[in-house]
N, C-alpha and C. Protein backbone atom coordinates (compact mmCIF):
# COMPACT_ATOMS: atom_id res chain seq x y z
N MET A 1 -37.22 15.53 5.83
CA MET A 1 -36.36 15.95 4.84
C MET A 1 -34.94 15.58 5.02
N ALA A 2 -34.60 15.29 6.30
CA ALA A 2 -33.23 14.73 6.70
C ALA A 2 -33.21 13.34 6.37
N ALA A 3 -34.30 12.55 6.44
CA ALA A 3 -34.23 11.12 6.09
C ALA A 3 -34.16 10.98 4.63
N GLU A 4 -34.88 11.81 3.87
CA GLU A 4 -34.81 11.75 2.38
C GLU A 4 -33.33 12.14 1.92
N ALA A 5 -32.70 13.13 2.75
CA ALA A 5 -31.26 13.42 2.17
C ALA A 5 -30.35 12.33 2.39
N CYS A 6 -30.61 11.55 3.63
CA CYS A 6 -29.73 10.44 3.97
C CYS A 6 -29.84 9.33 2.74
N LYS A 7 -31.18 9.08 2.50
CA LYS A 7 -31.26 8.01 1.46
C LYS A 7 -30.90 8.51 0.05
N LYS A 8 -30.68 9.72 -0.24
CA LYS A 8 -30.12 10.09 -1.47
C LYS A 8 -28.59 10.17 -1.49
N GLY A 9 -28.00 10.02 -0.22
CA GLY A 9 -26.60 10.03 -0.11
C GLY A 9 -25.96 11.33 0.06
N HIS A 10 -26.79 12.27 0.50
CA HIS A 10 -26.49 13.70 0.63
C HIS A 10 -25.76 13.97 2.04
N VAL A 11 -25.91 13.05 2.88
CA VAL A 11 -25.21 13.09 4.22
C VAL A 11 -24.17 12.13 4.44
N ARG A 12 -23.01 12.53 5.07
CA ARG A 12 -21.90 11.65 5.35
C ARG A 12 -21.45 12.00 6.84
N ILE A 13 -21.15 10.94 7.46
CA ILE A 13 -20.57 11.26 8.69
C ILE A 13 -19.17 10.46 8.91
N ASN A 14 -18.15 11.24 9.11
CA ASN A 14 -16.84 10.65 9.12
C ASN A 14 -16.43 10.05 7.73
N GLY A 15 -16.93 10.67 6.78
CA GLY A 15 -16.52 10.14 5.47
C GLY A 15 -17.28 9.04 4.87
N LYS A 16 -18.34 8.56 5.59
CA LYS A 16 -19.16 7.46 5.04
C LYS A 16 -20.62 7.80 5.02
N THR A 17 -21.24 7.40 3.85
CA THR A 17 -22.68 7.70 3.63
C THR A 17 -23.42 6.91 4.81
N VAL A 18 -24.57 7.59 5.22
CA VAL A 18 -25.23 7.05 6.45
C VAL A 18 -26.61 6.71 6.11
N LYS A 19 -27.20 5.84 6.93
CA LYS A 19 -28.77 5.65 6.92
C LYS A 19 -29.24 6.74 7.76
N PRO A 20 -30.68 6.95 7.56
CA PRO A 20 -31.36 7.98 8.54
C PRO A 20 -31.41 7.52 10.03
N SER A 21 -31.26 6.19 10.31
CA SER A 21 -31.30 5.82 11.70
C SER A 21 -29.88 5.96 12.30
N ARG A 22 -28.83 6.36 11.61
CA ARG A 22 -27.38 6.50 12.17
C ARG A 22 -27.49 7.51 13.46
N GLU A 23 -26.99 7.11 14.47
CA GLU A 23 -26.81 8.09 15.70
C GLU A 23 -25.60 8.92 15.49
N VAL A 24 -25.66 10.08 16.03
CA VAL A 24 -24.46 11.02 15.97
C VAL A 24 -23.86 11.15 17.36
N TYR A 25 -22.64 11.11 17.40
CA TYR A 25 -21.83 11.07 18.62
C TYR A 25 -20.99 12.36 18.66
N ASN A 26 -20.39 12.62 19.81
CA ASN A 26 -19.38 13.77 19.95
C ASN A 26 -18.34 13.66 19.05
N LEU A 27 -17.82 14.74 18.55
CA LEU A 27 -16.64 14.82 17.59
C LEU A 27 -16.85 14.10 16.31
N ASP A 28 -18.08 13.96 16.05
CA ASP A 28 -18.42 13.40 14.59
C ASP A 28 -18.22 14.62 13.65
N GLU A 29 -17.77 14.16 12.40
CA GLU A 29 -17.62 15.27 11.36
C GLU A 29 -18.76 14.96 10.34
N ILE A 30 -19.67 15.99 10.08
CA ILE A 30 -20.78 15.69 9.17
C ILE A 30 -20.64 16.52 7.98
N ILE A 31 -20.77 15.93 6.78
CA ILE A 31 -20.82 16.70 5.51
C ILE A 31 -22.18 16.45 4.92
N LEU A 32 -22.76 17.62 4.70
CA LEU A 32 -24.09 17.86 4.13
C LEU A 32 -24.19 18.45 2.87
N ARG A 33 -24.67 17.82 1.89
CA ARG A 33 -24.88 18.55 0.57
C ARG A 33 -26.16 19.15 0.51
N LYS A 34 -26.30 20.45 0.28
CA LYS A 34 -27.70 21.16 0.18
C LYS A 34 -27.44 22.39 -0.76
N ASN A 35 -28.17 22.46 -1.65
CA ASN A 35 -28.04 23.62 -2.60
C ASN A 35 -26.82 23.55 -3.34
N GLN A 36 -26.30 22.49 -3.73
CA GLN A 36 -24.92 22.33 -4.42
C GLN A 36 -23.70 22.94 -3.60
N ILE A 37 -23.93 22.96 -2.21
CA ILE A 37 -22.82 23.29 -1.39
C ILE A 37 -22.71 22.26 -0.27
N ASN A 38 -21.40 21.88 -0.11
CA ASN A 38 -21.17 20.72 0.92
C ASN A 38 -20.82 21.55 2.25
N TYR A 39 -21.74 21.56 3.04
CA TYR A 39 -21.49 22.06 4.43
C TYR A 39 -20.74 21.04 5.35
N GLU A 40 -19.73 21.54 6.00
CA GLU A 40 -18.95 20.72 6.83
C GLU A 40 -19.31 21.07 8.32
N LEU A 41 -19.66 20.23 9.13
CA LEU A 41 -20.01 20.51 10.58
C LEU A 41 -19.46 19.63 11.46
N SER A 42 -19.07 20.13 12.57
CA SER A 42 -18.38 19.23 13.67
C SER A 42 -19.40 19.34 14.83
N VAL A 43 -19.58 18.00 15.43
CA VAL A 43 -20.51 17.86 16.54
C VAL A 43 -19.58 18.13 17.81
N LEU A 44 -19.90 19.17 18.62
CA LEU A 44 -19.22 19.40 19.75
C LEU A 44 -19.78 18.73 21.08
N ASP A 45 -21.03 18.60 21.17
CA ASP A 45 -21.72 17.96 22.14
C ASP A 45 -23.07 17.56 21.89
N ILE A 46 -23.69 16.69 22.65
CA ILE A 46 -25.07 16.24 22.38
C ILE A 46 -25.95 16.89 23.43
N PRO A 47 -26.95 17.51 23.02
CA PRO A 47 -27.89 18.05 24.19
C PRO A 47 -28.59 16.98 24.76
N SER A 48 -29.03 17.15 25.96
CA SER A 48 -29.78 16.14 26.82
C SER A 48 -31.32 16.06 26.44
N GLY A 49 -31.81 17.14 25.80
CA GLY A 49 -33.04 17.13 25.29
C GLY A 49 -33.21 18.07 24.10
N ARG A 50 -34.38 18.49 23.69
CA ARG A 50 -34.60 19.42 22.60
C ARG A 50 -34.19 20.82 22.95
N VAL A 51 -33.49 21.49 21.99
CA VAL A 51 -33.14 22.80 22.22
C VAL A 51 -33.78 23.71 21.13
N SER A 52 -33.69 25.02 21.40
CA SER A 52 -34.32 25.94 20.36
C SER A 52 -33.14 26.15 19.33
N ALA A 53 -33.68 26.75 18.24
CA ALA A 53 -32.81 26.96 17.02
C ALA A 53 -31.55 28.04 17.57
N LYS A 54 -31.82 28.86 18.47
CA LYS A 54 -30.79 29.81 18.88
C LYS A 54 -29.69 29.15 19.55
N LEU A 55 -29.83 28.01 20.21
CA LEU A 55 -28.99 27.31 20.99
C LEU A 55 -28.15 26.20 20.24
N VAL A 56 -28.49 25.96 19.11
CA VAL A 56 -27.87 24.93 18.22
C VAL A 56 -26.47 25.16 18.08
N ASP A 57 -26.04 26.40 17.95
CA ASP A 57 -24.56 26.68 17.73
C ASP A 57 -23.65 26.23 18.88
N ILE A 58 -24.11 26.17 20.05
CA ILE A 58 -23.37 25.72 21.13
C ILE A 58 -23.02 24.24 21.02
N TYR A 59 -23.70 23.43 20.38
CA TYR A 59 -23.57 22.04 20.09
C TYR A 59 -22.89 21.70 18.86
N ARG A 60 -22.70 22.55 17.88
CA ARG A 60 -22.03 22.24 16.71
C ARG A 60 -21.14 23.55 16.24
N LYS A 61 -20.25 23.06 15.27
CA LYS A 61 -19.24 24.10 14.90
C LYS A 61 -19.29 23.99 13.22
N ASP A 62 -19.53 25.10 12.66
CA ASP A 62 -19.56 25.03 11.08
C ASP A 62 -18.13 25.35 10.61
N THR A 63 -17.55 24.44 9.90
CA THR A 63 -16.25 24.50 9.48
C THR A 63 -16.22 24.43 7.86
N THR A 64 -17.33 24.93 7.32
CA THR A 64 -17.29 25.10 5.87
C THR A 64 -16.44 26.14 5.37
N PRO A 65 -15.47 25.97 4.44
CA PRO A 65 -14.59 26.99 4.06
C PRO A 65 -15.36 28.10 3.41
N LYS A 66 -14.91 29.37 3.43
CA LYS A 66 -15.47 30.54 2.78
C LYS A 66 -15.53 30.42 1.29
N GLU A 67 -14.46 29.75 0.77
CA GLU A 67 -14.34 29.66 -0.64
C GLU A 67 -15.63 28.96 -1.37
N VAL A 68 -16.01 28.06 -0.67
CA VAL A 68 -17.19 27.26 -1.23
C VAL A 68 -18.39 28.25 -1.48
N PHE A 69 -18.75 29.17 -0.64
CA PHE A 69 -19.83 30.00 -0.65
C PHE A 69 -19.44 31.11 -1.80
N GLU A 70 -18.17 31.48 -1.81
CA GLU A 70 -17.80 32.40 -2.97
C GLU A 70 -18.05 31.70 -4.39
N ASN A 71 -17.62 30.37 -4.43
CA ASN A 71 -17.72 29.73 -5.67
C ASN A 71 -19.06 29.51 -6.19
N HIS A 72 -20.09 29.23 -5.17
CA HIS A 72 -21.43 29.12 -5.33
C HIS A 72 -22.04 30.34 -5.91
N LYS A 73 -21.51 31.58 -5.31
CA LYS A 73 -22.15 32.94 -5.74
C LYS A 73 -21.78 33.09 -7.13
N LEU A 74 -20.49 32.69 -7.46
CA LEU A 74 -20.11 32.94 -8.99
C LEU A 74 -20.87 32.12 -9.86
N MET A 75 -21.16 30.98 -9.42
CA MET A 75 -21.89 29.95 -10.25
C MET A 75 -23.23 30.50 -10.53
N GLN A 76 -23.88 31.12 -9.63
CA GLN A 76 -25.31 31.71 -9.61
C GLN A 76 -25.25 32.96 -10.67
N LEU A 77 -24.13 33.69 -10.50
CA LEU A 77 -24.01 34.78 -11.45
C LEU A 77 -23.83 34.35 -12.97
N ASN A 78 -23.15 33.24 -13.19
CA ASN A 78 -22.96 32.60 -14.47
C ASN A 78 -24.36 32.08 -15.00
N LYS A 79 -25.05 31.53 -14.21
CA LYS A 79 -26.42 30.96 -14.48
C LYS A 79 -27.35 31.98 -15.06
N ASN A 80 -27.19 33.16 -14.36
CA ASN A 80 -28.11 34.33 -14.83
C ASN A 80 -27.75 34.83 -16.04
N HIS A 81 -26.72 34.69 -16.34
CA HIS A 81 -26.14 35.27 -17.78
C HIS A 81 -26.49 34.37 -18.86
N TYR A 82 -26.69 33.04 -18.68
CA TYR A 82 -26.85 32.09 -19.66
C TYR A 82 -28.33 32.18 -20.16
N ARG A 83 -28.62 32.20 -21.31
CA ARG A 83 -29.86 32.18 -21.94
C ARG A 83 -30.29 30.64 -22.41
N GLN A 84 -31.38 30.25 -22.10
CA GLN A 84 -31.89 28.91 -22.33
C GLN A 84 -32.17 28.91 -23.95
N LYS A 85 -32.07 27.86 -24.55
CA LYS A 85 -32.37 27.55 -25.92
C LYS A 85 -33.80 27.77 -26.21
N GLY A 86 -34.09 28.63 -27.17
CA GLY A 86 -35.54 28.86 -27.63
C GLY A 86 -36.00 30.11 -27.04
N GLU A 87 -35.17 30.91 -26.21
CA GLU A 87 -35.78 32.10 -25.67
C GLU A 87 -35.65 33.17 -26.44
N GLY A 88 -35.03 32.96 -27.66
CA GLY A 88 -34.92 33.99 -28.64
C GLY A 88 -33.94 35.10 -28.32
N ARG A 89 -33.81 36.20 -29.22
CA ARG A 89 -32.92 37.12 -28.89
C ARG A 89 -33.04 37.88 -27.73
N PRO A 90 -32.02 38.56 -27.19
CA PRO A 90 -32.17 39.38 -25.94
C PRO A 90 -32.95 40.58 -26.23
N THR A 91 -33.73 41.09 -25.18
CA THR A 91 -34.53 42.26 -25.31
C THR A 91 -33.48 43.52 -25.28
N LYS A 92 -34.07 44.57 -25.53
CA LYS A 92 -33.25 45.87 -25.61
C LYS A 92 -32.62 46.07 -24.17
N LYS A 93 -33.40 45.82 -23.10
CA LYS A 93 -32.86 46.02 -21.76
C LYS A 93 -31.78 45.05 -21.53
N GLU A 94 -31.99 43.58 -21.88
CA GLU A 94 -31.19 42.77 -21.63
C GLU A 94 -29.78 43.00 -22.42
N ARG A 95 -29.87 43.47 -23.63
CA ARG A 95 -28.68 43.75 -24.37
C ARG A 95 -27.96 44.79 -23.68
N ARG A 96 -28.53 45.89 -23.22
CA ARG A 96 -27.79 47.00 -22.45
C ARG A 96 -27.28 46.48 -21.44
N ASP A 97 -27.94 45.67 -20.55
CA ASP A 97 -27.23 45.00 -19.38
C ASP A 97 -25.99 44.27 -19.69
N ILE A 98 -26.10 43.53 -20.75
CA ILE A 98 -24.90 42.67 -21.31
C ILE A 98 -23.79 43.67 -21.63
N ASP A 99 -24.07 44.75 -22.50
CA ASP A 99 -23.14 45.61 -22.91
C ASP A 99 -22.46 46.32 -21.60
N GLU A 100 -23.22 46.60 -20.75
CA GLU A 100 -22.75 47.43 -19.57
C GLU A 100 -21.81 46.42 -18.75
N TYR A 101 -22.23 45.26 -18.62
CA TYR A 101 -21.32 44.25 -17.98
C TYR A 101 -19.86 44.06 -18.66
N LEU A 102 -20.08 43.85 -20.06
CA LEU A 102 -18.75 43.62 -20.73
C LEU A 102 -17.88 45.02 -20.74
N ASP A 103 -18.63 46.12 -20.66
CA ASP A 103 -17.68 47.32 -20.58
C ASP A 103 -16.97 47.35 -19.22
N GLU A 104 -17.61 46.87 -18.11
CA GLU A 104 -17.07 47.02 -16.84
C GLU A 104 -15.90 46.05 -16.74
N SER A 105 -16.01 44.92 -17.28
CA SER A 105 -14.94 43.87 -17.24
C SER A 105 -13.69 44.22 -18.02
N GLU A 106 -13.86 45.10 -18.89
CA GLU A 106 -12.61 45.58 -19.72
C GLU A 106 -11.93 46.64 -19.03
C-alpha cells in the first residue's frame, strides 16, 4: 500500500515527491495524503529493527494541524446532506431531518 501511495504521488519527504525505494533519515518531514487529509509527520529517530505498533510514536511525531481534521469533518457532514441526482424526492424522515437541521441553524 505504501509503494502504491508513493507511485501515485501521495507521499512527500522534505517537500519532494519520492519513489518507494527512498530511504528515510532522522529529522525528515513526511507529508502523506490519505482520505483527503494531508498528514504531516516528523521522523525523530530510526529504530534498529522492527518495532510493534505501540512503540512507533517514540520514533515519529505527528505535526498535523487540528484544523485539517475539523475541515474534513465538516466536509463529511456536507457530503451527507447532498443528494445524488436521480435519487428522487426526500422521504418523510429525510425531510423532517432537514427541517430540524434548518431550524437549529436559525
